[in-house]
Amino acid sequence: MIYLKVHVMDVETGDVILADVFNRYGLLVLSSGTILDGDAVSRLLQHQLEYVDVLPKKSAATAPQTTLPYNPQKTRETMQVAVHSAKALYDTAQDTGLIDADLAEGGFLSMAESVRGNHDVASMLLVLNQKDDYAYRHCVQVGLISYHLAKWLGKPEAECCSIGTAGYLHDIGKTKIPKEILGKPGPLTLEEFETIKKHTVYGFSMIADSIGNPDWALPALQHHERLDGSGYPHGIRGSEIHPASKVVAIADIYSAMISTTPYRKGKDLMNVLCELHSLSFGKLDPHMTQVFIRNMLPNLIGKSVVLSSGETGTIVMTNPSDFFRPLVKVDDQFLDLAQMPLVSISRFVEEATA
């Protein structure tokens, strides 16, 4: 019998699982003899299982490809370089009023290449969740999220990189906003908020004049537009909004909510995903938002959480029928929050100590 240890991204429909597959907590994920299809592969990914023993449907199956293990220190170093690159890009734009196309695209593509193969997007974003250099961290986060969401939507690699670069540049217009307004710790006046809103128009003009790429310029202009017409600067609706702008809008909101700044503490991952879910009814593109949520939730498996009951546990499985009430292991018990309406996740331990 010929069998292979294959990465889950390389299995084919019709391959057969040769041995029971368990996750790191000893829960059975797939039984021996399971014929792989899309749903079975999704379950493997949900439990962050990378390799499985399969009997290939073809005797000449390809060998497994390696992936990068998640390395917190290397990721931290990569993100720090990315933040410095973003600062150089934004400082140049502020000094000259122009954008260096090579610095913009090269800075993002270098970062994307460095993290390619790391599947734990949530942890990569948490590395960036610190109080200093918020503006530059935010553009790095939005670029990364936009890139990954484009991939999850099935876009070709070149388009994913373009959308990621658009996310990286989305706030470039803020280099024309007075620093005393951008850095104001308290509530903005109506006049100050109207000034802030102009960063969308400034960003569009800067990208259009410097680079002339509408796929980068339109997301800078439209990332605050909403499907129901409630956004700015032009209050456009639905299909009037460029598809890349819809991706960047989701990334921008997620990053802003999750991030800690000198003036506020970031919200926990689960609550942010819940809020995005609510916004998918009228404000954000519903399909894109649901794809984002479905792909982010598996990254939460293995994360430590504090429950409303005061207990500390670990997420071991997400619930496909109720995204935000997973299975949590507390000591030797498994708590299915979908069956416990009075218990919920209060916060993530990683974020509480970030």
Protein backbone atom coordinates (compact mmCIF):
# COMPACT_ATOMS: atom_id res chain seq x y z
CA MET A 1 0.00 0.00 0.00
CA ILE A 2 1.37 3.43 -0.99
CA TYR A 3 0.54 6.23 1.43
CA LEU A 4 1.81 9.75 1.94
CA LYS A 5 2.04 12.25 4.76
CA VAL A 6 0.51 15.24 2.99
CA HIS A 7 -0.06 18.84 4.01
CA VAL A 8 -3.79 19.54 4.26
CA MET A 9 -3.52 22.21 1.55
CA ASP A 10 -2.16 19.59 -0.84
CA VAL A 11 -4.71 16.79 -0.34
CA GLU A 12 -7.14 16.06 -3.15
CA THR A 13 -10.82 15.28 -3.14
CA GLY A 14 -11.10 11.51 -3.00
CA ASP A 15 -7.94 10.89 -0.94
CA VAL A 16 -8.61 8.55 1.99
CA ILE A 17 -7.57 9.13 5.62
CA LEU A 18 -5.55 6.10 6.79
CA ALA A 19 -5.68 6.64 10.56
CA ASP A 20 -7.93 8.41 13.04
CA VAL A 21 -6.97 12.09 13.22
CA PHE A 22 -7.00 13.81 16.61
CA ASN A 23 -6.37 17.45 17.48
CA ARG A 24 -3.84 18.55 20.08
CA TYR A 25 -6.43 18.10 22.84
CA GLY A 26 -7.22 14.50 21.96
CA LEU A 27 -10.57 15.16 20.26
CA LEU A 28 -11.35 13.02 17.23
CA VAL A 29 -11.50 15.17 14.09
CA LEU A 30 -11.76 12.58 11.29
CA SER A 31 -12.03 8.80 11.43
CA SER A 32 -9.87 6.35 9.54
CA GLY A 33 -11.36 5.62 6.13
CA THR A 34 -12.86 9.09 5.68
CA ILE A 35 -12.89 10.11 2.02
CA LEU A 36 -11.70 13.70 1.86
CA ASP A 37 -13.93 16.41 0.47
CA GLY A 38 -14.17 20.16 1.02
CA ASP A 39 -15.94 19.85 4.38
CA ALA A 40 -13.38 17.35 5.70
CA VAL A 41 -10.48 19.60 4.70
CA SER A 42 -12.19 22.55 6.41
CA ARG A 43 -12.38 20.52 9.63
CA LEU A 44 -8.66 19.75 9.44
CA LEU A 45 -7.86 23.42 8.94
CA GLN A 46 -10.22 24.44 11.72
CA HIS A 47 -8.22 22.32 14.17
CA GLN A 48 -4.90 23.65 12.82
CA LEU A 49 -3.80 20.18 11.68
CA GLU A 50 -1.13 20.50 9.03
CA TYR A 51 -0.22 16.96 7.94
CA VAL A 52 -2.28 13.79 7.54
CA ASP A 53 -1.55 10.25 6.33
CA VAL A 54 -3.60 9.57 3.22
CA LEU A 55 -4.03 6.93 0.57
CA PRO A 56 -3.95 9.07 -2.58
CA LYS A 57 -6.61 8.56 -5.20
CA LYS A 58 -3.78 8.67 -7.73
CA SER A 59 -0.72 6.49 -7.29
CA ALA A 60 1.50 9.31 -8.56
CA ALA A 61 0.49 11.86 -5.94
CA THR A 62 2.81 14.81 -5.46
CA ALA A 63 5.06 15.02 -2.42
CA PRO A 64 4.02 17.31 0.42
CA GLN A 65 5.30 20.85 0.46
CA THR A 66 6.75 22.39 3.56
CA THR A 67 5.18 25.33 5.35
CA LEU A 68 6.68 27.79 7.78
CA PRO A 69 6.01 27.07 11.46
CA TYR A 70 4.78 30.04 13.44
CA ASN A 71 7.85 31.66 14.99
CA PRO A 72 6.86 34.50 17.38
CA GLN A 73 10.35 36.03 17.56
CA LYS A 74 10.89 35.98 13.79
CA THR A 75 7.39 37.36 13.23
CA ARG A 76 8.02 40.14 15.76
CA GLU A 77 11.24 41.08 13.96
CA THR A 78 9.51 41.00 10.56
CA MET A 79 6.68 43.20 11.81
CA GLN A 80 9.13 45.68 13.33
CA VAL A 81 10.91 46.01 9.99
CA ALA A 82 7.53 46.47 8.31
CA VAL A 83 6.59 49.25 10.73
CA HIS A 84 9.91 51.04 10.06
CA SER A 85 9.31 50.72 6.30
CA ALA A 86 5.81 52.16 6.68
CA LYS A 87 7.19 55.06 8.69
CA ALA A 88 9.73 55.82 5.97
CA LEU A 89 6.99 55.72 3.33
CA TYR A 90 4.61 57.98 5.28
CA ASP A 91 7.36 60.41 6.34
CA THR A 92 8.45 60.80 2.71
CA ALA A 93 4.84 61.42 1.68
CA GLN A 94 4.45 64.03 4.42
CA ASP A 95 7.66 65.83 3.42
CA THR A 96 7.12 65.79 -0.35
CA GLY A 97 3.38 65.33 -0.84
CA LEU A 98 4.23 62.41 -3.15
CA ILE A 99 4.39 58.63 -2.80
CA ASP A 100 7.38 56.56 -3.81
CA ALA A 101 5.79 53.68 -5.77
CA ASP A 102 8.81 51.39 -5.31
CA LEU A 103 8.90 52.08 -1.56
CA ALA A 104 5.15 51.44 -1.30
CA GLU A 105 4.94 48.22 -3.27
CA GLY A 106 8.36 46.93 -2.22
CA GLY A 107 7.66 47.56 1.46
CA PHE A 108 4.43 45.62 1.39
CA LEU A 109 5.62 42.77 -0.84
CA SER A 110 8.72 42.24 1.32
CA MET A 111 6.52 41.93 4.39
CA ALA A 112 4.03 39.63 2.65
CA GLU A 113 6.84 37.37 1.47
CA SER A 114 8.31 37.19 4.99
CA VAL A 115 5.06 35.96 6.54
CA ARG A 116 3.89 33.76 3.66
CA GLY A 117 3.25 30.23 4.95
CA ASN A 118 2.33 31.37 8.47
CA HIS A 119 -1.31 30.42 8.97
CA ASP A 120 -1.86 32.02 12.40
CA VAL A 121 -3.02 35.44 11.21
CA ALA A 122 -4.47 36.32 14.62
CA SER A 123 -1.09 35.89 16.32
CA MET A 124 0.69 37.90 13.65
CA LEU A 125 -1.73 40.77 14.26
CA LEU A 126 -1.32 40.54 18.03
CA VAL A 127 2.43 41.04 17.60
CA LEU A 128 1.56 44.46 16.14
CA ASN A 129 -0.84 45.35 18.95
CA GLN A 130 1.36 47.69 20.98
CA LYS A 131 0.85 51.29 22.03
CA ASP A 132 3.63 53.04 20.09
CA ASP A 133 3.71 53.93 16.38
CA TYR A 134 -0.03 53.28 16.04
CA ALA A 135 -0.43 54.97 12.65
CA TYR A 136 2.30 52.86 11.05
CA ARG A 137 1.23 49.64 12.77
CA HIS A 138 -2.30 50.27 11.56
CA CYS A 139 -1.29 50.55 7.91
CA VAL A 140 0.81 47.36 8.23
CA GLN A 141 -2.11 45.52 9.84
CA VAL A 142 -4.60 46.71 7.22
CA GLY A 143 -2.23 45.68 4.43
CA LEU A 144 -1.77 42.20 5.92
CA ILE A 145 -5.47 41.68 6.61
CA SER A 146 -6.44 42.90 3.13
CA TYR A 147 -3.92 40.51 1.56
CA HIS A 148 -5.15 37.51 3.52
CA LEU A 149 -8.82 38.30 3.00
CA ALA A 150 -8.21 38.56 -0.75
CA LYS A 151 -6.57 35.11 -0.64
CA TRP A 152 -9.49 33.67 1.33
CA LEU A 153 -11.81 35.09 -1.33
CA GLY A 154 -9.92 33.06 -3.95
CA LYS A 155 -8.22 35.96 -5.71
CA PRO A 156 -5.06 35.27 -7.74
CA GLU A 157 -1.77 36.06 -6.01
CA ALA A 158 -1.06 39.19 -8.06
CA GLU A 159 -4.46 40.63 -7.16
CA CYS A 160 -3.97 39.71 -3.49
CA CYS A 161 -0.69 41.63 -3.45
CA SER A 162 -2.33 44.61 -5.14
CA ILE A 163 -5.19 44.66 -2.62
CA GLY A 164 -2.69 44.26 0.22
CA THR A 165 -0.68 47.22 -1.06
CA ALA A 166 -3.90 49.25 -1.32
CA GLY A 167 -4.55 48.45 2.34
CA TYR A 168 -0.98 49.43 3.20
CA LEU A 169 -1.59 52.85 1.54
CA HIS A 170 -5.19 53.41 2.60
CA ASP A 171 -4.44 56.12 5.21
CA ILE A 172 -1.64 57.91 3.32
CA GLY A 173 -3.88 60.99 3.08
CA LYS A 174 -3.56 61.48 6.85
CA THR A 175 -0.07 62.86 6.20
CA LYS A 176 -1.89 66.05 5.15
CA ILE A 177 -3.98 66.27 8.34
CA PRO A 178 -2.60 68.49 11.16
CA LYS A 179 -0.87 66.38 13.81
CA GLU A 180 -2.69 68.15 16.64
CA ILE A 181 -5.98 66.82 15.26
CA LEU A 182 -4.69 63.32 14.49
CA GLY A 183 -3.15 63.00 17.95
CA LYS A 184 -5.94 64.63 19.94
CA PRO A 185 -6.64 62.39 22.98
CA GLY A 186 -10.20 63.58 23.56
CA PRO A 187 -13.34 63.70 21.39
CA LEU A 188 -13.08 65.60 18.12
CA THR A 189 -15.23 68.64 17.42
CA LEU A 190 -17.53 68.47 14.39
CA GLU A 191 -15.13 70.74 12.51
CA GLU A 192 -12.14 68.56 13.42
CA PHE A 193 -13.96 65.42 12.29
CA GLU A 194 -14.77 67.05 8.96
CA THR A 195 -11.04 67.76 8.60
CA ILE A 196 -10.17 64.12 9.41
CA LYS A 197 -12.63 62.90 6.78
CA LYS A 198 -10.67 64.72 4.10
CA HIS A 199 -7.83 62.18 4.40
CA THR A 200 -9.77 59.97 1.99
CA VAL A 201 -9.76 62.61 -0.76
CA TYR A 202 -6.16 63.58 -0.03
CA GLY A 203 -5.05 59.96 -0.22
CA PHE A 204 -6.82 59.40 -3.53
CA SER A 205 -5.18 62.48 -5.04
CA MET A 206 -1.73 61.58 -3.74
CA ILE A 207 -1.85 58.04 -5.13
CA ALA A 208 -3.43 59.12 -8.42
CA ASP A 209 -0.89 61.91 -8.94
CA SER A 210 2.17 59.95 -7.79
CA ILE A 211 1.42 56.46 -9.11
CA GLY A 212 -1.77 56.60 -11.17
CA ASN A 213 -3.01 53.18 -10.05
CA PRO A 214 -6.81 53.27 -9.52
CA ASP A 215 -6.75 49.90 -7.74
CA TRP A 216 -4.69 51.58 -5.01
CA ALA A 217 -6.23 55.05 -5.20
CA LEU A 218 -9.92 54.07 -4.94
CA PRO A 219 -9.54 52.11 -1.65
CA ALA A 220 -7.86 55.19 -0.14
CA LEU A 221 -10.90 57.22 -1.21
CA GLN A 222 -13.62 54.69 -0.40
CA HIS A 223 -12.55 52.67 2.67
CA HIS A 224 -15.01 54.62 4.85
CA GLU A 225 -17.94 54.21 2.42
CA ARG A 226 -20.71 51.82 3.49
CA LEU A 227 -23.14 49.72 1.48
CA ASP A 228 -26.17 51.61 2.82
CA GLY A 229 -24.77 55.01 1.81
CA SER A 230 -23.98 56.09 5.39
CA GLY A 231 -20.23 56.41 4.83
CA TYR A 232 -17.98 59.18 3.55
CA PRO A 233 -16.69 61.12 1.65
CA HIS A 234 -19.40 60.73 -1.01
CA GLY A 235 -22.05 58.49 0.56
CA ILE A 236 -21.98 56.02 -2.33
CA ARG A 237 -23.74 52.66 -2.07
CA GLY A 238 -23.38 48.97 -2.91
CA SER A 239 -21.88 48.28 -6.31
CA GLU A 240 -20.64 51.87 -6.61
CA ILE A 241 -17.92 50.91 -4.14
CA HIS A 242 -14.82 49.29 -5.70
CA PRO A 243 -14.42 45.61 -4.60
CA ALA A 244 -10.92 46.27 -3.24
CA SER A 245 -12.34 49.15 -1.19
CA LYS A 246 -14.81 46.73 0.41
CA VAL A 247 -11.94 44.44 1.41
CA VAL A 248 -9.88 47.31 2.84
CA ALA A 249 -12.94 48.62 4.75
CA ILE A 250 -13.25 45.32 6.64
CA ALA A 251 -9.51 45.26 7.35
CA ASP A 252 -9.53 48.90 8.51
CA ILE A 253 -12.41 48.38 10.96
CA TYR A 254 -10.93 45.16 12.34
CA SER A 255 -7.51 46.71 12.87
CA ALA A 256 -8.92 49.86 14.49
CA MET A 257 -11.08 47.86 16.90
CA ILE A 258 -8.40 45.36 17.87
CA SER A 259 -5.58 47.86 18.34
CA THR A 260 -4.38 49.42 21.57
CA THR A 261 -3.49 53.11 21.24
CA PRO A 262 -2.13 55.62 23.75
CA TYR A 263 -5.74 56.70 24.32
CA ARG A 264 -7.71 53.46 24.43
CA LYS A 265 -7.36 49.72 24.94
CA GLY A 266 -8.11 47.44 22.01
CA LYS A 267 -11.16 45.19 22.12
CA ASP A 268 -10.78 41.41 22.33
CA LEU A 269 -10.79 39.30 19.19
CA MET A 270 -14.13 37.59 19.73
CA ASN A 271 -16.03 40.82 20.42
CA VAL A 272 -14.52 42.48 17.35
CA LEU A 273 -15.60 39.56 15.16
CA CYS A 274 -19.09 39.81 16.67
CA GLU A 275 -19.24 43.50 15.80
CA LEU A 276 -18.07 42.83 12.25
CA HIS A 277 -20.82 40.21 11.97
CA SER A 278 -23.38 42.85 12.93
CA LEU A 279 -21.92 45.33 10.42
CA SER A 280 -22.31 42.74 7.64
CA PHE A 281 -26.04 43.47 7.73
CA GLY A 282 -26.11 46.68 5.71
CA LYS A 283 -22.72 48.33 6.26
CA LEU A 284 -20.04 45.92 5.04
CA ASP A 285 -20.08 43.43 2.18
CA PRO A 286 -21.80 40.40 3.77
CA HIS A 287 -20.00 37.72 1.77
CA MET A 288 -16.55 39.19 2.33
CA THR A 289 -17.24 39.72 6.02
CA GLN A 290 -18.47 36.18 6.55
CA VAL A 291 -15.43 34.78 4.72
CA PHE A 292 -13.18 36.89 6.96
CA ILE A 293 -14.90 35.70 10.15
CA ARG A 294 -14.87 32.02 9.09
CA ASN A 295 -11.15 32.18 8.34
CA MET A 296 -10.21 34.10 11.48
CA LEU A 297 -12.08 31.87 13.91
CA PRO A 298 -9.86 28.79 13.41
CA ASN A 299 -6.88 30.97 14.41
CA LEU A 300 -8.51 31.24 17.83
CA ILE A 301 -8.14 27.50 18.50
CA GLY A 302 -5.49 27.07 21.18
CA LYS A 303 -5.91 30.62 22.52
CA SER A 304 -6.38 31.05 26.28
CA VAL A 305 -9.55 32.84 27.38
CA VAL A 306 -11.20 34.03 30.57
CA LEU A 307 -14.89 33.13 30.80
CA SER A 308 -17.64 35.23 32.35
CA SER A 309 -17.74 32.58 35.10
CA GLY A 310 -14.17 33.60 36.06
CA GLU A 311 -12.66 30.33 34.82
CA THR A 312 -9.66 30.30 32.49
CA GLY A 313 -9.63 27.83 29.63
CA THR A 314 -8.48 27.13 26.09
CA ILE A 315 -10.54 27.20 22.89
CA VAL A 316 -10.35 23.72 21.36
CA MET A 317 -13.00 23.91 18.62
CA THR A 318 -15.21 26.51 17.01
CA ASN A 319 -18.91 25.86 16.58
CA PRO A 320 -20.04 25.96 12.91
CA SER A 321 -23.64 26.75 13.91
CA ASP A 322 -22.73 29.50 16.39
CA PHE A 323 -19.39 31.11 15.52
CA PHE A 324 -18.98 32.95 18.80
CA ARG A 325 -19.71 30.18 21.31
CA PRO A 326 -16.87 27.65 20.93
CA LEU A 327 -15.88 24.50 22.83
CA VAL A 328 -13.54 25.50 25.69
CA LYS A 329 -11.34 23.18 27.76
CA VAL A 330 -11.18 24.16 31.46
CA ASP A 331 -8.87 21.89 33.42
CA ASP A 332 -10.15 18.40 32.51
CA GLN A 333 -13.61 19.55 31.41
CA PHE A 334 -14.89 20.50 27.97
CA LEU A 335 -17.46 23.31 28.07
CA ASP A 336 -19.68 23.73 25.03
CA LEU A 337 -20.65 27.40 25.25
CA ALA A 338 -23.34 26.82 22.62
CA GLN A 339 -25.16 24.80 25.30
CA MET A 340 -24.37 27.27 28.12
CA PRO A 341 -26.21 30.56 27.37
CA LEU A 342 -25.21 32.11 30.71
CA VAL A 343 -21.45 31.68 30.11
CA SER A 344 -19.48 33.62 27.52
CA ILE A 345 -15.91 34.62 26.71
CA SER A 346 -14.90 37.76 28.62
CA ARG A 347 -11.44 38.31 27.18
CA PHE A 348 -8.37 36.67 25.65
CA VAL A 349 -5.41 36.12 27.94
CA GLU A 350 -2.90 37.13 25.23
CA GLU A 351 -4.55 40.49 24.80
CA ALA A 352 -4.89 41.06 28.52
CA THR A 353 -1.10 40.88 28.83
CA ALA A 354 -0.12 42.55 25.57
